[in-house]
Amino acid sequence: MPLAVRPYTSADFDQLLRIQVECFPPPYPQQLLWSRGQIASHEWIFPEGALAAELDGELVGSATCTRRRFDPAHAQHTWAQVADAGWIRSCDPAGDTLYGIDVAVRPAWRGRGVARALYQARFALVRALGLARFQAGSRISGYHQHADHLSAQAYVAEVVAGRLNDPVVTPQLRAGLRPVCLLPDYLSDAESLNYAVLMEWTP
């Protein structure tokens, strides 16, 4: 059966939690995995931005978005600030930017077009809502392997140039996103040394 991308709801919680557990094992902070209350909040506040990839009745990936205003002069932010620590109560219904706060594909389904389908659904939502852009703060999860000889900025430059592969940023580059700026202290994360890079796609 073809892959379908649809809104997720509280009824999908068990499958969504399974996706989170498989995709974000320790040392990723386990307190950041979605709770049932957060899933309900996503469904209530911005249901269009709560997306699940389904194949033959089984969820194989998910993606969550919020909506915000982007000011290039004040681009620095943390995940907790923009995502309201995962509750998205800060979602601005008049915001000009669709912001991805989470994307996850079950390991057994990676490399099979699931992430691309989720990103294409996000891009379609940008167009449908008449927004200016899609953005995401992407933790540079491979940086810990190179931090002894590269600054975070230099590591991102190597990834963008294709000389290094980052598990998070490289697939986003392939999906058509481009870096805007480095985000220090974005998220407490040992693999990225708390760094992320703001990625952007424009229609």
Protein backbone atom coordinates (compact mmCIF):
# COMPACT_ATOMS: atom_id res chain seq x y z
CA MET A 1 0.00 0.00 0.00
CA PRO A 2 1.24 3.55 -0.67
CA LEU A 3 2.62 5.69 2.12
CA ALA A 4 0.08 8.19 3.42
CA VAL A 5 0.74 11.34 5.45
CA ARG A 6 -2.16 12.34 7.68
CA PRO A 7 -2.76 14.34 10.87
CA TYR A 8 -2.04 12.42 14.04
CA THR A 9 -4.34 12.46 17.06
CA SER A 10 -4.33 11.36 20.68
CA ALA A 11 -5.57 7.97 19.49
CA ASP A 12 -2.12 7.46 17.92
CA PHE A 13 -0.25 8.07 21.15
CA ASP A 14 1.07 4.53 21.69
CA GLN A 15 2.47 4.35 18.16
CA LEU A 16 3.88 7.88 18.38
CA LEU A 17 5.63 7.05 21.63
CA ARG A 18 7.09 3.91 20.04
CA ILE A 19 8.48 6.04 17.22
CA GLN A 20 10.01 8.46 19.74
CA VAL A 21 11.62 5.71 21.80
CA GLU A 22 13.11 4.04 18.72
CA CYS A 23 14.35 7.27 17.17
CA PHE A 24 15.67 9.11 20.22
CA PRO A 25 17.44 6.67 22.54
CA PRO A 26 19.80 7.90 25.28
CA PRO A 27 21.88 10.05 25.45
CA TYR A 28 18.99 12.04 23.93
CA PRO A 29 17.13 13.54 26.91
CA GLN A 30 14.28 11.11 27.54
CA GLN A 31 12.19 13.78 29.26
CA LEU A 32 11.80 15.38 25.83
CA LEU A 33 9.87 12.43 24.38
CA TRP A 34 6.25 13.36 23.75
CA SER A 35 3.78 12.84 26.56
CA ARG A 36 0.12 12.07 26.04
CA GLY A 37 -0.71 15.60 27.15
CA GLN A 38 1.65 17.14 24.61
CA ILE A 39 0.14 15.08 21.78
CA ALA A 40 -3.31 16.30 22.83
CA SER A 41 -1.96 19.86 22.85
CA HIS A 42 -0.61 19.51 19.31
CA GLU A 43 -3.95 18.16 18.14
CA TRP A 44 -5.88 20.96 19.82
CA ILE A 45 -3.68 23.97 19.01
CA PHE A 46 -2.34 23.28 15.51
CA PRO A 47 -3.71 20.01 14.11
CA GLU A 48 -2.50 20.81 10.58
CA GLY A 49 1.08 20.71 11.83
CA ALA A 50 0.81 17.32 13.55
CA LEU A 51 1.70 14.79 10.86
CA ALA A 52 2.08 11.03 10.78
CA ALA A 53 3.38 8.82 7.99
CA GLU A 54 1.28 5.66 7.79
CA LEU A 55 1.83 2.47 5.83
CA ASP A 56 -0.73 -0.34 5.90
CA GLY A 57 -2.25 0.94 9.15
CA GLU A 58 1.12 1.28 10.92
CA LEU A 59 2.83 4.58 11.75
CA VAL A 60 6.40 4.63 10.49
CA GLY A 61 7.21 8.30 11.08
CA SER A 62 5.91 11.55 12.49
CA ALA A 63 6.57 15.28 12.35
CA THR A 64 5.31 18.14 14.48
CA CYS A 65 5.20 21.84 13.61
CA THR A 66 4.26 25.11 15.18
CA ARG A 67 3.75 28.53 13.65
CA ARG A 68 5.71 31.67 14.53
CA ARG A 69 6.86 35.05 13.30
CA PHE A 70 10.47 35.14 12.15
CA ASP A 71 12.59 38.23 12.71
CA PRO A 72 15.97 37.85 10.96
CA ALA A 73 17.44 40.47 13.30
CA HIS A 74 16.63 38.23 16.27
CA ALA A 75 17.16 34.77 14.84
CA GLN A 76 18.68 33.22 17.98
CA HIS A 77 16.37 31.01 20.03
CA THR A 78 16.21 27.70 21.86
CA TRP A 79 14.03 24.68 21.20
CA ALA A 80 12.19 25.21 24.48
CA GLN A 81 11.37 28.80 23.55
CA VAL A 82 9.99 28.14 20.08
CA ALA A 83 8.32 24.82 20.96
CA ASP A 84 7.01 25.90 24.37
CA ALA A 85 8.93 22.90 25.74
CA GLY A 86 6.87 20.67 23.43
CA TRP A 87 3.40 22.01 24.25
CA ILE A 88 3.28 24.59 21.36
CA ARG A 89 1.01 26.94 23.33
CA SER A 90 3.16 29.75 21.87
CA CYS A 91 1.89 28.90 18.37
CA ASP A 92 1.05 32.17 16.57
CA PRO A 93 -1.94 31.70 14.23
CA ALA A 94 -0.80 34.81 12.32
CA GLY A 95 2.84 33.75 12.14
CA ASP A 96 4.60 33.83 8.77
CA THR A 97 6.76 30.75 9.40
CA LEU A 98 6.02 27.05 9.76
CA TYR A 99 8.55 25.73 12.27
CA GLY A 100 9.39 22.06 12.60
CA ILE A 101 9.94 21.08 16.21
CA ASP A 102 10.22 17.34 15.67
CA VAL A 103 10.64 14.77 12.93
CA ALA A 104 11.19 11.06 13.45
CA VAL A 105 11.33 8.00 11.20
CA ARG A 106 11.52 4.51 12.66
CA PRO A 107 15.01 3.09 12.00
CA ALA A 108 13.69 0.14 9.98
CA TRP A 109 12.03 2.57 7.56
CA ARG A 110 14.85 5.05 7.03
CA GLY A 111 16.11 5.50 3.50
CA ARG A 112 12.72 4.59 2.05
CA GLY A 113 11.24 8.04 1.43
CA VAL A 114 9.38 8.51 4.72
CA ALA A 115 11.26 11.63 5.83
CA ARG A 116 10.97 13.10 2.34
CA ALA A 117 7.20 12.54 2.37
CA LEU A 118 6.92 14.28 5.74
CA TYR A 119 8.97 17.24 4.51
CA GLN A 120 6.95 17.47 1.32
CA ALA A 121 3.77 17.55 3.44
CA ARG A 122 5.28 20.40 5.46
CA PHE A 123 6.21 22.30 2.31
CA ALA A 124 2.68 21.79 0.98
CA LEU A 125 1.33 23.21 4.24
CA VAL A 126 3.53 26.30 3.83
CA ARG A 127 2.00 26.85 0.41
CA ALA A 128 -1.55 26.10 1.55
CA LEU A 129 -1.33 28.60 4.41
CA GLY A 130 0.45 31.22 2.29
CA LEU A 131 3.46 31.33 4.60
CA ALA A 132 6.88 32.75 3.81
CA ARG A 133 9.01 29.79 4.82
CA PHE A 134 9.57 26.54 6.66
CA GLN A 135 12.27 26.45 9.33
CA ALA A 136 13.68 23.95 11.78
CA GLY A 137 16.41 24.05 14.39
CA SER A 138 18.46 20.98 13.51
CA ARG A 139 20.78 19.56 16.13
CA ILE A 140 24.16 18.70 14.63
CA SER A 141 24.13 15.23 16.07
CA GLY A 142 27.42 14.09 14.52
CA TYR A 143 29.41 16.98 15.93
CA HIS A 144 30.67 15.13 19.02
CA GLN A 145 32.83 12.99 16.73
CA HIS A 146 34.64 16.06 15.37
CA ALA A 147 34.50 18.60 18.20
CA ASP A 148 38.15 18.03 19.12
CA HIS A 149 39.35 19.51 15.84
CA LEU A 150 36.43 21.53 14.39
CA SER A 151 34.38 24.42 15.71
CA ALA A 152 30.62 23.98 15.38
CA GLN A 153 30.60 26.56 12.56
CA ALA A 154 33.37 24.73 10.71
CA TYR A 155 31.61 21.39 11.19
CA VAL A 156 28.40 22.77 9.64
CA ALA A 157 30.42 24.17 6.72
CA GLU A 158 31.94 20.73 6.12
CA VAL A 159 28.50 19.11 6.19
CA VAL A 160 27.04 21.68 3.78
CA ALA A 161 30.01 21.14 1.45
CA GLY A 162 29.34 17.40 1.49
CA ARG A 163 32.69 16.48 3.01
CA LEU A 164 31.05 15.25 6.22
CA ASN A 165 27.72 13.50 6.76
CA ASP A 166 25.49 14.54 9.65
CA PRO A 167 22.58 12.24 10.55
CA VAL A 168 20.17 15.17 10.93
CA VAL A 169 21.43 17.99 8.72
CA THR A 170 22.50 15.98 5.66
CA PRO A 171 19.00 14.57 4.96
CA GLN A 172 17.56 18.06 5.37
CA LEU A 173 20.00 19.43 2.82
CA ARG A 174 18.86 16.70 0.43
CA ALA A 175 15.24 17.70 1.10
CA GLY A 176 15.99 21.25 -0.06
CA LEU A 177 16.64 23.09 3.21
CA ARG A 178 19.55 25.51 3.58
CA PRO A 179 21.37 26.82 6.70
CA VAL A 180 20.58 30.26 8.10
CA CYS A 181 22.68 30.51 11.26
CA LEU A 182 24.20 28.51 14.10
CA LEU A 183 22.12 28.16 17.27
CA PRO A 184 24.26 27.58 20.41
CA ASP A 185 22.58 26.18 23.52
CA TYR A 186 19.58 25.15 21.42
CA LEU A 187 18.92 21.92 23.26
CA SER A 188 20.61 19.97 26.03
CA ASP A 189 22.17 17.22 23.92
CA ALA A 190 25.48 15.41 24.36
CA GLU A 191 25.86 14.43 20.69
CA SER A 192 25.57 17.97 19.33
CA LEU A 193 27.24 19.63 22.32
CA ASN A 194 23.98 21.61 22.55
CA TYR A 195 24.39 23.13 19.08
CA ALA A 196 21.86 23.28 16.28
CA VAL A 197 21.72 25.04 12.94
CA LEU A 198 18.64 26.93 11.80
CA MET A 199 17.57 25.37 8.49
CA GLU A 200 15.13 27.00 6.06
CA TRP A 201 13.10 26.22 2.95
CA THR A 202 11.23 28.86 0.98
CA PRO A 203 8.57 28.28 -1.68
